[in-house]
Amino acid sequence: MRLSVLLIAALAAGAAGIVSCNDAKTTTETATSQPEASQPIPHDSLVKRGGYLVATIGCDDCHSPKTMGPQGPQLDMERRLSGYPSDRPVAKADRGVLQTGYILMGGDLTSSVGPWGMSFAANLTSDSTGIGSWTEDQFLTAMRKGKFKGLETNRDLLPPMPWQNFKNLTDDDLKAIFAYLKSTKPVHNVVPEPKAPNQL
């Protein structure tokens, strides 16, 4: 009798060990079969995420011309993200205001004047006058290092472009923004060259 109780206890312990090993194996298999965060995101999801980011982090504030609507300035959707309109005359800056330490913004925020001179918001649409011919690496260089057109040898991006903030976005977020911008309606618009302080 005592032998059969010991035998049953040994068999029960063995069965419990086998079950726990199988559970551990299943847990390990489940853990290793989970997708990693660095796996490629489907293009449609990337564009959707990029559209969300562009709409919420303020790209339209400076890069989209505005029209006056019933509630004040509103986005000109026909020219959305196309930068400072090339058919608009460049206003003269009041240098007296600048000497008091102020920075001036154009009426629709697509141009600005400060100690750096006068700068104009770039065309971000998929047109060749925008970022249509850019590579993803160029976009990452522009956003991470603040280089004009994303080329290492080019001048620095001028204020008020807040690339110092955007450089902190994840690679996935920056790639999503780029994918979205490349999907936008192309708007042909050659933005004026910036003016140095002595040209104001």
N, C-alpha and C. Protein backbone atom coordinates (compact mmCIF):
# COMPACT_ATOMS: atom_id res chain seq x y z
N MET A 1 0.83 -1.19 0.00
CA MET A 1 0.00 0.00 0.00
C MET A 1 0.87 1.25 0.00
N ARG A 2 1.87 1.21 0.93
CA ARG A 2 2.75 2.38 1.00
C ARG A 2 3.49 2.56 -0.31
N LEU A 3 3.88 1.45 -0.96
CA LEU A 3 4.59 1.51 -2.23
C LEU A 3 3.69 2.12 -3.31
N SER A 4 2.40 1.74 -3.34
CA SER A 4 1.52 2.31 -4.36
C SER A 4 1.27 3.79 -4.14
N VAL A 5 1.23 4.26 -2.89
CA VAL A 5 1.06 5.69 -2.62
C VAL A 5 2.29 6.44 -3.11
N LEU A 6 3.48 5.89 -2.83
CA LEU A 6 4.73 6.52 -3.30
C LEU A 6 4.78 6.54 -4.83
N LEU A 7 4.36 5.45 -5.46
CA LEU A 7 4.36 5.37 -6.91
C LEU A 7 3.39 6.40 -7.52
N ILE A 8 2.22 6.51 -6.93
CA ILE A 8 1.23 7.49 -7.43
C ILE A 8 1.76 8.91 -7.25
N ALA A 9 2.39 9.20 -6.10
CA ALA A 9 2.95 10.54 -5.84
C ALA A 9 4.06 10.86 -6.84
N ALA A 10 4.90 9.85 -7.14
CA ALA A 10 5.99 10.05 -8.11
C ALA A 10 5.44 10.32 -9.49
N LEU A 11 4.41 9.54 -9.88
CA LEU A 11 3.79 9.75 -11.20
C LEU A 11 3.14 11.14 -11.29
N ALA A 12 2.49 11.57 -10.21
CA ALA A 12 1.84 12.89 -10.19
C ALA A 12 2.89 13.99 -10.31
N ALA A 13 4.00 13.84 -9.59
CA ALA A 13 5.07 14.85 -9.66
C ALA A 13 5.66 14.89 -11.07
N GLY A 14 5.84 13.70 -11.66
CA GLY A 14 6.38 13.64 -13.03
C GLY A 14 5.43 14.31 -14.03
N ALA A 15 4.14 14.05 -13.88
CA ALA A 15 3.15 14.65 -14.78
C ALA A 15 3.12 16.16 -14.63
N ALA A 16 3.21 16.65 -13.39
CA ALA A 16 3.23 18.09 -13.14
C ALA A 16 4.46 18.73 -13.78
N GLY A 17 5.58 18.03 -13.68
CA GLY A 17 6.82 18.54 -14.30
C GLY A 17 6.70 18.63 -15.80
N ILE A 18 6.10 17.61 -16.42
CA ILE A 18 5.93 17.62 -17.88
C ILE A 18 5.00 18.75 -18.30
N VAL A 19 3.89 18.92 -17.57
CA VAL A 19 2.93 19.99 -17.89
C VAL A 19 3.61 21.35 -17.75
N SER A 20 4.38 21.56 -16.65
CA SER A 20 5.01 22.87 -16.47
C SER A 20 6.07 23.11 -17.53
N CYS A 21 6.78 22.08 -17.97
CA CYS A 21 7.77 22.26 -19.05
C CYS A 21 7.08 22.64 -20.34
N ASN A 22 5.96 21.97 -20.62
CA ASN A 22 5.21 22.29 -21.83
C ASN A 22 4.66 23.71 -21.78
N ASP A 23 4.16 24.14 -20.58
CA ASP A 23 3.67 25.50 -20.43
C ASP A 23 4.79 26.51 -20.65
N ALA A 24 5.97 26.22 -20.11
CA ALA A 24 7.11 27.13 -20.28
C ALA A 24 7.50 27.22 -21.75
N LYS A 25 7.46 26.03 -22.43
CA LYS A 25 7.79 26.01 -23.85
C LYS A 25 6.78 26.84 -24.65
N THR A 26 5.49 26.68 -24.33
CA THR A 26 4.45 27.45 -25.01
C THR A 26 4.63 28.94 -24.77
N THR A 27 4.94 29.32 -23.51
CA THR A 27 5.15 30.73 -23.19
C THR A 27 6.34 31.28 -23.96
N THR A 28 7.43 30.50 -24.03
CA THR A 28 8.62 30.93 -24.77
C THR A 28 8.31 31.07 -26.25
N GLU A 29 7.59 30.07 -26.80
CA GLU A 29 7.24 30.14 -28.22
C GLU A 29 6.36 31.36 -28.49
N THR A 30 5.39 31.62 -27.60
CA THR A 30 4.50 32.76 -27.78
C THR A 30 5.29 34.07 -27.73
N ALA A 31 6.20 34.15 -26.76
CA ALA A 31 6.99 35.38 -26.61
C ALA A 31 7.87 35.63 -27.82
N THR A 32 8.47 34.55 -28.35
CA THR A 32 9.38 34.74 -29.49
C THR A 32 8.63 34.91 -30.80
N SER A 33 7.34 34.54 -30.83
CA SER A 33 6.61 34.69 -32.08
C SER A 33 5.92 36.05 -32.21
N GLN A 34 6.00 36.90 -31.16
CA GLN A 34 5.40 38.23 -31.22
C GLN A 34 6.18 39.11 -32.20
N PRO A 35 5.51 39.95 -33.00
CA PRO A 35 6.22 40.82 -33.93
C PRO A 35 7.03 41.87 -33.18
N GLU A 36 8.19 42.18 -33.71
CA GLU A 36 9.04 43.20 -33.12
C GLU A 36 8.60 44.57 -33.61
N ALA A 37 8.87 45.60 -32.79
CA ALA A 37 8.46 46.97 -33.14
C ALA A 37 9.18 47.49 -34.37
N SER A 38 10.35 46.92 -34.67
CA SER A 38 11.14 47.45 -35.78
C SER A 38 10.76 46.85 -37.13
N GLN A 39 9.76 45.97 -37.15
CA GLN A 39 9.35 45.40 -38.42
C GLN A 39 8.70 46.48 -39.28
N PRO A 40 8.84 46.38 -40.61
CA PRO A 40 8.28 47.42 -41.49
C PRO A 40 6.77 47.59 -41.30
N ILE A 41 6.34 48.84 -41.33
CA ILE A 41 4.92 49.17 -41.20
C ILE A 41 4.34 49.21 -42.61
N PRO A 42 3.17 48.61 -42.83
CA PRO A 42 2.56 48.68 -44.18
C PRO A 42 2.43 50.13 -44.66
N HIS A 43 2.62 50.35 -45.96
CA HIS A 43 2.67 51.71 -46.51
C HIS A 43 1.40 52.50 -46.20
N ASP A 44 0.22 51.88 -46.35
CA ASP A 44 -1.04 52.60 -46.08
C ASP A 44 -1.10 53.07 -44.63
N SER A 45 -0.64 52.24 -43.71
CA SER A 45 -0.63 52.62 -42.29
C SER A 45 0.37 53.74 -42.04
N LEU A 46 1.50 53.67 -42.75
CA LEU A 46 2.53 54.70 -42.62
C LEU A 46 1.98 56.05 -43.07
N VAL A 47 1.31 56.07 -44.22
CA VAL A 47 0.74 57.31 -44.76
C VAL A 47 -0.34 57.85 -43.81
N LYS A 48 -1.18 56.97 -43.28
CA LYS A 48 -2.23 57.40 -42.35
C LYS A 48 -1.62 58.01 -41.09
N ARG A 49 -0.60 57.37 -40.55
CA ARG A 49 0.08 57.89 -39.36
C ARG A 49 0.73 59.23 -39.68
N GLY A 50 1.36 59.33 -40.84
CA GLY A 50 1.99 60.58 -41.25
C GLY A 50 0.99 61.71 -41.40
N GLY A 51 -0.18 61.41 -41.96
CA GLY A 51 -1.22 62.42 -42.09
C GLY A 51 -1.67 62.94 -40.74
N TYR A 52 -1.80 62.02 -39.78
CA TYR A 52 -2.17 62.40 -38.42
C TYR A 52 -1.11 63.32 -37.81
N LEU A 53 0.16 62.96 -37.96
CA LEU A 53 1.25 63.76 -37.38
C LEU A 53 1.32 65.14 -38.03
N VAL A 54 1.24 65.20 -39.35
CA VAL A 54 1.30 66.48 -40.05
C VAL A 54 0.17 67.40 -39.60
N ALA A 55 -1.01 66.82 -39.41
CA ALA A 55 -2.18 67.63 -39.02
C ALA A 55 -2.13 68.09 -37.57
N THR A 56 -1.33 67.41 -36.73
CA THR A 56 -1.36 67.74 -35.30
C THR A 56 -0.12 68.44 -34.78
N ILE A 57 1.01 68.37 -35.49
CA ILE A 57 2.22 68.99 -34.94
C ILE A 57 2.53 70.35 -35.55
N GLY A 58 1.62 70.88 -36.33
CA GLY A 58 1.73 72.27 -36.75
C GLY A 58 2.37 72.53 -38.11
N CYS A 59 2.52 71.53 -38.96
CA CYS A 59 3.13 71.76 -40.28
C CYS A 59 2.33 72.78 -41.09
N ASP A 60 1.00 72.69 -40.99
CA ASP A 60 0.15 73.62 -41.75
C ASP A 60 0.31 75.07 -41.28
N ASP A 61 0.66 75.26 -40.02
CA ASP A 61 0.75 76.62 -39.49
C ASP A 61 1.63 77.50 -40.37
N CYS A 62 2.77 76.99 -40.78
CA CYS A 62 3.70 77.80 -41.58
C CYS A 62 3.73 77.40 -43.05
N HIS A 63 3.52 76.13 -43.35
CA HIS A 63 3.73 75.66 -44.72
C HIS A 63 2.49 75.73 -45.61
N SER A 64 1.35 76.07 -45.04
CA SER A 64 0.13 76.17 -45.85
C SER A 64 -0.35 77.61 -45.94
N PRO A 65 -0.52 78.13 -47.17
CA PRO A 65 -1.13 79.46 -47.31
C PRO A 65 -2.54 79.46 -46.71
N LYS A 66 -2.99 80.63 -46.31
CA LYS A 66 -4.32 80.75 -45.69
C LYS A 66 -5.20 81.70 -46.50
N THR A 67 -6.50 81.53 -46.35
CA THR A 67 -7.48 82.47 -46.89
C THR A 67 -8.32 82.94 -45.71
N MET A 68 -8.98 84.06 -45.87
CA MET A 68 -9.81 84.57 -44.78
C MET A 68 -11.20 83.95 -44.90
N GLY A 69 -11.64 83.33 -43.83
CA GLY A 69 -12.96 82.71 -43.78
C GLY A 69 -13.82 83.38 -42.73
N PRO A 70 -15.03 82.86 -42.50
CA PRO A 70 -15.94 83.47 -41.53
C PRO A 70 -15.40 83.46 -40.10
N GLN A 71 -14.50 82.55 -39.79
CA GLN A 71 -13.92 82.49 -38.44
C GLN A 71 -12.45 82.91 -38.44
N GLY A 72 -12.03 83.65 -39.45
CA GLY A 72 -10.64 84.10 -39.52
C GLY A 72 -9.85 83.28 -40.53
N PRO A 73 -8.53 83.31 -40.41
CA PRO A 73 -7.70 82.59 -41.39
C PRO A 73 -7.99 81.09 -41.37
N GLN A 74 -8.06 80.53 -42.58
CA GLN A 74 -8.25 79.09 -42.71
C GLN A 74 -7.33 78.57 -43.82
N LEU A 75 -7.04 77.29 -43.79
CA LEU A 75 -6.13 76.71 -44.77
C LEU A 75 -6.68 76.85 -46.18
N ASP A 76 -5.80 77.22 -47.10
CA ASP A 76 -6.14 77.21 -48.52
C ASP A 76 -5.88 75.78 -49.00
N MET A 77 -6.94 74.97 -49.02
CA MET A 77 -6.78 73.54 -49.29
C MET A 77 -6.26 73.25 -50.70
N GLU A 78 -6.46 74.17 -51.63
CA GLU A 78 -5.92 73.97 -52.99
C GLU A 78 -4.40 74.08 -53.00
N ARG A 79 -3.85 74.82 -52.02
CA ARG A 79 -2.40 75.03 -51.98
C ARG A 79 -1.82 74.52 -50.66
N ARG A 80 -2.51 73.59 -50.04
CA ARG A 80 -2.06 73.08 -48.74
C ARG A 80 -0.62 72.56 -48.81
N LEU A 81 0.18 72.97 -47.85
CA LEU A 81 1.57 72.54 -47.65
C LEU A 81 2.51 72.97 -48.78
N SER A 82 2.09 73.94 -49.60
CA SER A 82 2.93 74.36 -50.74
C SER A 82 3.86 75.51 -50.39
N GLY A 83 3.85 76.00 -49.16
CA GLY A 83 4.78 77.04 -48.75
C GLY A 83 4.35 78.44 -49.18
N TYR A 84 5.30 79.37 -49.07
CA TYR A 84 5.03 80.76 -49.42
C TYR A 84 4.67 80.84 -50.91
N PRO A 85 3.52 81.44 -51.26
CA PRO A 85 3.10 81.49 -52.66
C PRO A 85 4.04 82.34 -53.52
N SER A 86 4.54 81.76 -54.59
CA SER A 86 5.49 82.46 -55.45
C SER A 86 4.85 83.64 -56.20
N ASP A 87 3.52 83.64 -56.32
CA ASP A 87 2.86 84.75 -57.02
C ASP A 87 2.52 85.91 -56.09
N ARG A 88 2.93 85.82 -54.84
CA ARG A 88 2.65 86.87 -53.87
C ARG A 88 3.87 87.79 -53.76
N PRO A 89 3.67 89.10 -53.87
CA PRO A 89 4.81 90.02 -53.69
C PRO A 89 5.38 89.89 -52.27
N VAL A 90 6.69 90.03 -52.17
CA VAL A 90 7.35 89.96 -50.85
C VAL A 90 7.25 91.33 -50.20
N ALA A 91 6.65 91.39 -49.02
CA ALA A 91 6.47 92.66 -48.31
C ALA A 91 7.80 93.15 -47.75
N LYS A 92 7.90 94.44 -47.60
CA LYS A 92 9.10 95.02 -46.98
C LYS A 92 8.99 94.89 -45.47
N ALA A 93 10.11 94.59 -44.85
CA ALA A 93 10.13 94.44 -43.40
C ALA A 93 10.44 95.76 -42.73
N ASP A 94 9.80 96.01 -41.60
CA ASP A 94 10.06 97.21 -40.81
C ASP A 94 11.29 96.95 -39.95
N ARG A 95 12.44 97.46 -40.39
CA ARG A 95 13.69 97.21 -39.67
C ARG A 95 13.68 97.82 -38.28
N GLY A 96 12.90 98.87 -38.09
CA GLY A 96 12.82 99.49 -36.76
C GLY A 96 12.25 98.53 -35.74
N VAL A 97 11.23 97.75 -36.15
CA VAL A 97 10.64 96.77 -35.24
C VAL A 97 11.66 95.68 -34.92
N LEU A 98 12.43 95.28 -35.95
CA LEU A 98 13.43 94.25 -35.73
C LEU A 98 14.50 94.69 -34.74
N GLN A 99 14.84 95.96 -34.78
CA GLN A 99 15.89 96.47 -33.89
C GLN A 99 15.43 96.49 -32.43
N THR A 100 14.14 96.40 -32.21
CA THR A 100 13.65 96.34 -30.83
C THR A 100 13.63 94.91 -30.30
N GLY A 101 14.05 93.97 -31.14
CA GLY A 101 14.13 92.57 -30.70
C GLY A 101 12.94 91.71 -31.08
N TYR A 102 12.02 92.25 -31.86
CA TYR A 102 10.85 91.48 -32.26
C TYR A 102 11.13 90.66 -33.52
N ILE A 103 10.36 89.61 -33.68
CA ILE A 103 10.36 88.81 -34.90
C ILE A 103 9.01 89.04 -35.55
N LEU A 104 9.00 89.21 -36.86
CA LEU A 104 7.76 89.47 -37.59
C LEU A 104 7.35 88.24 -38.39
N MET A 105 6.04 88.01 -38.46
CA MET A 105 5.50 86.93 -39.28
C MET A 105 4.57 87.52 -40.32
N GLY A 106 4.60 86.93 -41.53
CA GLY A 106 3.67 87.35 -42.57
C GLY A 106 2.24 87.05 -42.14
N GLY A 107 1.28 87.66 -42.82
CA GLY A 107 -0.12 87.54 -42.44
C GLY A 107 -0.64 86.12 -42.36
N ASP A 108 -0.10 85.19 -43.18
CA ASP A 108 -0.56 83.80 -43.11
C ASP A 108 0.53 82.87 -42.58
N LEU A 109 1.57 83.46 -42.00
CA LEU A 109 2.66 82.74 -41.33
C LEU A 109 3.60 81.99 -42.28
N THR A 110 3.49 82.22 -43.60
CA THR A 110 4.38 81.51 -44.52
C THR A 110 5.69 82.25 -44.75
N SER A 111 5.84 83.43 -44.13
CA SER A 111 7.12 84.15 -44.19
C SER A 111 7.40 84.73 -42.81
N SER A 112 8.68 84.94 -42.53
CA SER A 112 9.04 85.52 -41.24
C SER A 112 10.34 86.31 -41.39
N VAL A 113 10.51 87.26 -40.49
CA VAL A 113 11.67 88.14 -40.49
C VAL A 113 12.23 88.20 -39.08
N GLY A 114 13.55 88.12 -38.99
CA GLY A 114 14.21 88.20 -37.69
C GLY A 114 15.69 88.48 -37.89
N PRO A 115 16.49 88.30 -36.87
CA PRO A 115 17.93 88.57 -36.97
C PRO A 115 18.63 87.80 -38.09
N TRP A 116 18.03 86.68 -38.53
CA TRP A 116 18.60 85.87 -39.61
C TRP A 116 18.29 86.44 -40.99
N GLY A 117 17.38 87.40 -41.07
CA GLY A 117 16.92 87.94 -42.35
C GLY A 117 15.46 87.59 -42.57
N MET A 118 15.10 87.29 -43.82
CA MET A 118 13.72 86.90 -44.13
C MET A 118 13.73 85.48 -44.68
N SER A 119 12.85 84.66 -44.13
CA SER A 119 12.75 83.27 -44.58
C SER A 119 11.33 82.98 -45.03
N PHE A 120 11.21 81.97 -45.87
CA PHE A 120 9.92 81.60 -46.48
C PHE A 120 9.69 80.11 -46.27
N ALA A 121 8.46 79.77 -45.88
CA ALA A 121 8.12 78.36 -45.66
C ALA A 121 8.26 77.58 -46.96
N ALA A 122 8.87 76.41 -46.86
CA ALA A 122 9.14 75.57 -48.03
C ALA A 122 7.89 74.86 -48.54
N ASN A 123 7.95 74.47 -49.80
CA ASN A 123 6.92 73.65 -50.42
C ASN A 123 7.16 72.20 -49.98
N LEU A 124 6.19 71.62 -49.29
CA LEU A 124 6.32 70.24 -48.81
C LEU A 124 5.50 69.26 -49.62
N THR A 125 4.88 69.70 -50.71
CA THR A 125 4.05 68.79 -51.49
C THR A 125 4.92 67.85 -52.33
N SER A 126 4.27 66.89 -52.96
CA SER A 126 4.98 65.88 -53.75
C SER A 126 5.44 66.39 -55.12
N ASP A 127 5.24 67.68 -55.39
CA ASP A 127 5.69 68.26 -56.66
C ASP A 127 7.22 68.33 -56.70
N SER A 128 7.79 68.43 -57.91
CA SER A 128 9.25 68.54 -58.03
C SER A 128 9.76 69.85 -57.44
N THR A 129 8.90 70.87 -57.32
CA THR A 129 9.31 72.11 -56.65
C THR A 129 9.20 71.99 -55.14
N GLY A 130 8.67 70.87 -54.69
CA GLY A 130 8.57 70.57 -53.26
C GLY A 130 9.55 69.48 -52.90
N ILE A 131 9.03 68.38 -52.31
CA ILE A 131 9.91 67.28 -51.93
C ILE A 131 9.72 66.06 -52.83
N GLY A 132 9.14 66.30 -54.01
CA GLY A 132 8.85 65.19 -54.93
C GLY A 132 10.05 64.36 -55.32
N SER A 133 11.21 64.98 -55.41
CA SER A 133 12.41 64.24 -55.82
C SER A 133 13.29 63.86 -54.64
N TRP A 134 12.87 64.17 -53.43
CA TRP A 134 13.66 63.85 -52.24
C TRP A 134 13.65 62.35 -51.95
N THR A 135 14.72 61.89 -51.32
CA THR A 135 14.75 60.53 -50.79
C THR A 135 14.38 60.59 -49.31
N GLU A 136 14.05 59.44 -48.77
CA GLU A 136 13.75 59.37 -47.34
C GLU A 136 14.96 59.80 -46.52
N ASP A 137 16.16 59.42 -46.97
CA ASP A 137 17.38 59.82 -46.25
C ASP A 137 17.54 61.34 -46.22
N GLN A 138 17.21 62.01 -47.32
CA GLN A 138 17.28 63.48 -47.34
C GLN A 138 16.34 64.07 -46.31
N PHE A 139 15.12 63.53 -46.25
CA PHE A 139 14.15 64.05 -45.30
C PHE A 139 14.64 63.85 -43.87
N LEU A 140 15.20 62.69 -43.58
CA LEU A 140 15.72 62.43 -42.23
C LEU A 140 16.88 63.37 -41.91
N THR A 141 17.73 63.66 -42.89
CA THR A 141 18.84 64.59 -42.66
C THR A 141 18.32 65.99 -42.38
N ALA A 142 17.32 66.42 -43.15
CA ALA A 142 16.73 67.75 -42.92
C ALA A 142 16.15 67.85 -41.52
N MET A 143 15.44 66.83 -41.10
CA MET A 143 14.76 66.88 -39.81
C MET A 143 15.69 66.61 -38.63
N ARG A 144 16.70 65.81 -38.82
CA ARG A 144 17.62 65.48 -37.73
C ARG A 144 18.77 66.48 -37.60
N LYS A 145 19.23 67.01 -38.74
CA LYS A 145 20.41 67.88 -38.72
C LYS A 145 20.13 69.31 -39.16
N GLY A 146 18.90 69.58 -39.59
CA GLY A 146 18.53 70.94 -39.96
C GLY A 146 19.24 71.43 -41.21
N LYS A 147 19.37 70.56 -42.21
CA LYS A 147 20.04 70.92 -43.45
C LYS A 147 19.05 71.14 -44.58
N PHE A 148 19.22 72.26 -45.31
CA PHE A 148 18.35 72.63 -46.42
C PHE A 148 18.33 71.52 -47.47
N LYS A 149 17.14 71.12 -47.86
CA LYS A 149 16.90 70.05 -48.83
C LYS A 149 17.52 68.71 -48.40
N GLY A 150 17.88 68.61 -47.13
CA GLY A 150 18.40 67.35 -46.61
C GLY A 150 19.76 66.98 -47.14
N LEU A 151 20.52 67.95 -47.60
CA LEU A 151 21.86 67.70 -48.11
C LEU A 151 22.89 68.22 -47.11
N GLU A 152 23.80 67.35 -46.73
CA GLU A 152 24.78 67.67 -45.68
C GLU A 152 25.57 68.94 -45.97
N THR A 153 25.84 69.23 -47.25
CA THR A 153 26.68 70.38 -47.61
C THR A 153 25.88 71.67 -47.77
N ASN A 154 24.57 71.60 -47.65
CA ASN A 154 23.74 72.80 -47.81
C ASN A 154 23.71 73.63 -46.53
N ARG A 155 23.15 74.84 -46.68
CA ARG A 155 23.01 75.75 -45.53
C ARG A 155 22.07 75.14 -44.49
N ASP A 156 22.10 75.73 -43.30
CA ASP A 156 21.19 75.31 -42.24
C ASP A 156 19.77 75.80 -42.54
N LEU A 157 18.79 75.07 -42.04
CA LEU A 157 17.41 75.53 -42.14
C LEU A 157 17.27 76.78 -41.28
N LEU A 158 16.49 77.73 -41.75
CA LEU A 158 16.33 79.00 -41.05
C LEU A 158 15.11 78.98 -40.13
N PRO A 159 15.15 79.83 -39.10
CA PRO A 159 13.95 79.98 -38.26
C PRO A 159 12.79 80.49 -39.13
N PRO A 160 11.58 80.22 -38.72
CA PRO A 160 11.15 79.59 -37.47
C PRO A 160 11.00 78.07 -37.55
N MET A 161 11.60 77.42 -38.56
CA MET A 161 11.48 75.96 -38.70
C MET A 161 12.04 75.28 -37.44
N PRO A 162 11.17 74.59 -36.68
CA PRO A 162 11.61 74.02 -35.39
C PRO A 162 12.18 72.60 -35.51
N TRP A 163 13.14 72.43 -36.42
CA TRP A 163 13.70 71.08 -36.61
C TRP A 163 14.35 70.56 -35.33
N GLN A 164 14.80 71.47 -34.45
CA GLN A 164 15.41 71.03 -33.20
C GLN A 164 14.41 70.25 -32.34
N ASN A 165 13.13 70.53 -32.52
CA ASN A 165 12.09 69.76 -31.82
C ASN A 165 11.77 68.48 -32.58
N PHE A 166 11.63 68.60 -33.90
CA PHE A 166 11.23 67.45 -34.70
C PHE A 166 12.30 66.37 -34.75
N LYS A 167 13.56 66.73 -34.50
CA LYS A 167 14.62 65.73 -34.53
C LYS A 167 14.43 64.69 -33.44
N ASN A 168 13.60 65.00 -32.45
CA ASN A 168 13.34 64.07 -31.35
C ASN A 168 12.25 63.05 -31.66
N LEU A 169 11.59 63.19 -32.81
CA LEU A 169 10.60 62.20 -33.22
C LEU A 169 11.31 60.88 -33.53
N THR A 170 10.60 59.78 -33.41
CA THR A 170 11.19 58.48 -33.74
C THR A 170 11.41 58.37 -35.24
N ASP A 171 12.28 57.45 -35.64
CA ASP A 171 12.48 57.18 -37.07
C ASP A 171 11.15 56.82 -37.72
N ASP A 172 10.37 55.97 -37.05
CA ASP A 172 9.07 55.55 -37.61
C ASP A 172 8.16 56.75 -37.85
N ASP A 173 8.13 57.70 -36.91
CA ASP A 173 7.29 58.88 -37.08
C ASP A 173 7.78 59.74 -38.24
N LEU A 174 9.09 59.96 -38.32
CA LEU A 174 9.62 60.78 -39.42
C LEU A 174 9.38 60.10 -40.77
N LYS A 175 9.54 58.80 -40.81
CA LYS A 175 9.29 58.07 -42.07
C LYS A 175 7.81 58.14 -42.43
N ALA A 176 6.94 58.12 -41.43
CA ALA A 176 5.51 58.24 -41.69
C ALA A 176 5.17 59.62 -42.24
N ILE A 177 5.76 60.66 -41.67
CA ILE A 177 5.53 62.02 -42.18
C ILE A 177 6.00 62.12 -43.62
N PHE A 178 7.17 61.58 -43.91
CA PHE A 178 7.70 61.62 -45.28
C PHE A 178 6.77 60.87 -46.23
N ALA A 179 6.32 59.68 -45.83
CA ALA A 179 5.41 58.90 -46.69
C ALA A 179 4.14 59.68 -46.97
N TYR A 180 3.62 60.36 -45.96
CA TYR A 180 2.41 61.15 -46.18
C TYR A 180 2.68 62.31 -47.13
N LEU A 181 3.76 63.05 -46.91
CA LEU A 181 4.06 64.20 -47.77
C LEU A 181 4.26 63.77 -49.22
N LYS A 182 4.86 62.61 -49.42
CA LYS A 182 5.06 62.11 -50.79
C LYS A 182 3.73 61.70 -51.43
N SER A 183 2.70 61.50 -50.61
CA SER A 183 1.39 61.10 -51.14
C SER A 183 0.48 62.29 -51.42
N THR A 184 0.93 63.50 -51.06
CA THR A 184 0.06 64.68 -51.21
C THR A 184 -0.10 65.08 -52.66
N LYS A 185 -1.12 65.88 -52.90
CA LYS A 185 -1.36 66.43 -54.23
C LYS A 185 -0.20 67.36 -54.57
N PRO A 186 0.46 67.18 -55.74
CA PRO A 186 1.57 68.07 -56.09
C PRO A 186 1.07 69.48 -56.39
N VAL A 187 1.72 70.46 -55.80
CA VAL A 187 1.41 71.87 -56.07
C VAL A 187 2.70 72.52 -56.56
N HIS A 188 2.68 72.97 -57.81
CA HIS A 188 3.87 73.60 -58.38
C HIS A 188 4.01 75.01 -57.80
N ASN A 189 5.06 75.20 -57.02
CA ASN A 189 5.26 76.50 -56.37
C ASN A 189 6.73 76.64 -55.99
N VAL A 190 7.42 77.54 -56.66
CA VAL A 190 8.84 77.80 -56.36
C VAL A 190 8.89 78.89 -55.30
N VAL A 191 9.29 78.51 -54.11
CA VAL A 191 9.36 79.45 -52.98
C VAL A 191 10.56 80.37 -53.15
N PRO A 192 10.43 81.68 -52.83
CA PRO A 192 11.56 82.60 -52.97
C PRO A 192 12.75 82.19 -52.10
N GLU A 193 13.92 82.62 -52.53
CA GLU A 193 15.14 82.40 -51.74
C GLU A 193 15.10 83.30 -50.51
N PRO A 194 15.70 82.88 -49.40
CA PRO A 194 15.73 83.74 -48.21
C PRO A 194 16.55 85.00 -48.46
N LYS A 195 16.28 86.03 -47.67
CA LYS A 195 17.03 87.27 -47.77
C LYS A 195 17.90 87.43 -46.54
N ALA A 196 19.14 87.84 -46.76
CA ALA A 196 20.04 88.11 -45.65
C ALA A 196 19.63 89.42 -44.97
N PRO A 197 20.05 89.64 -43.73
CA PRO A 197 19.65 90.87 -43.03
C PRO A 197 19.97 92.13 -43.79
N ASN A 198 21.09 92.18 -44.51
CA ASN A 198 21.44 93.40 -45.25
C ASN A 198 20.63 93.59 -46.52
N GLN A 199 19.76 92.61 -46.85
CA GLN A 199 18.90 92.74 -48.02
C GLN A 199 17.50 93.21 -47.66
N LEU A 200 17.24 93.38 -46.39
CA LEU A 200 15.88 93.77 -45.97
C LEU A 200 15.65 95.25 -46.24
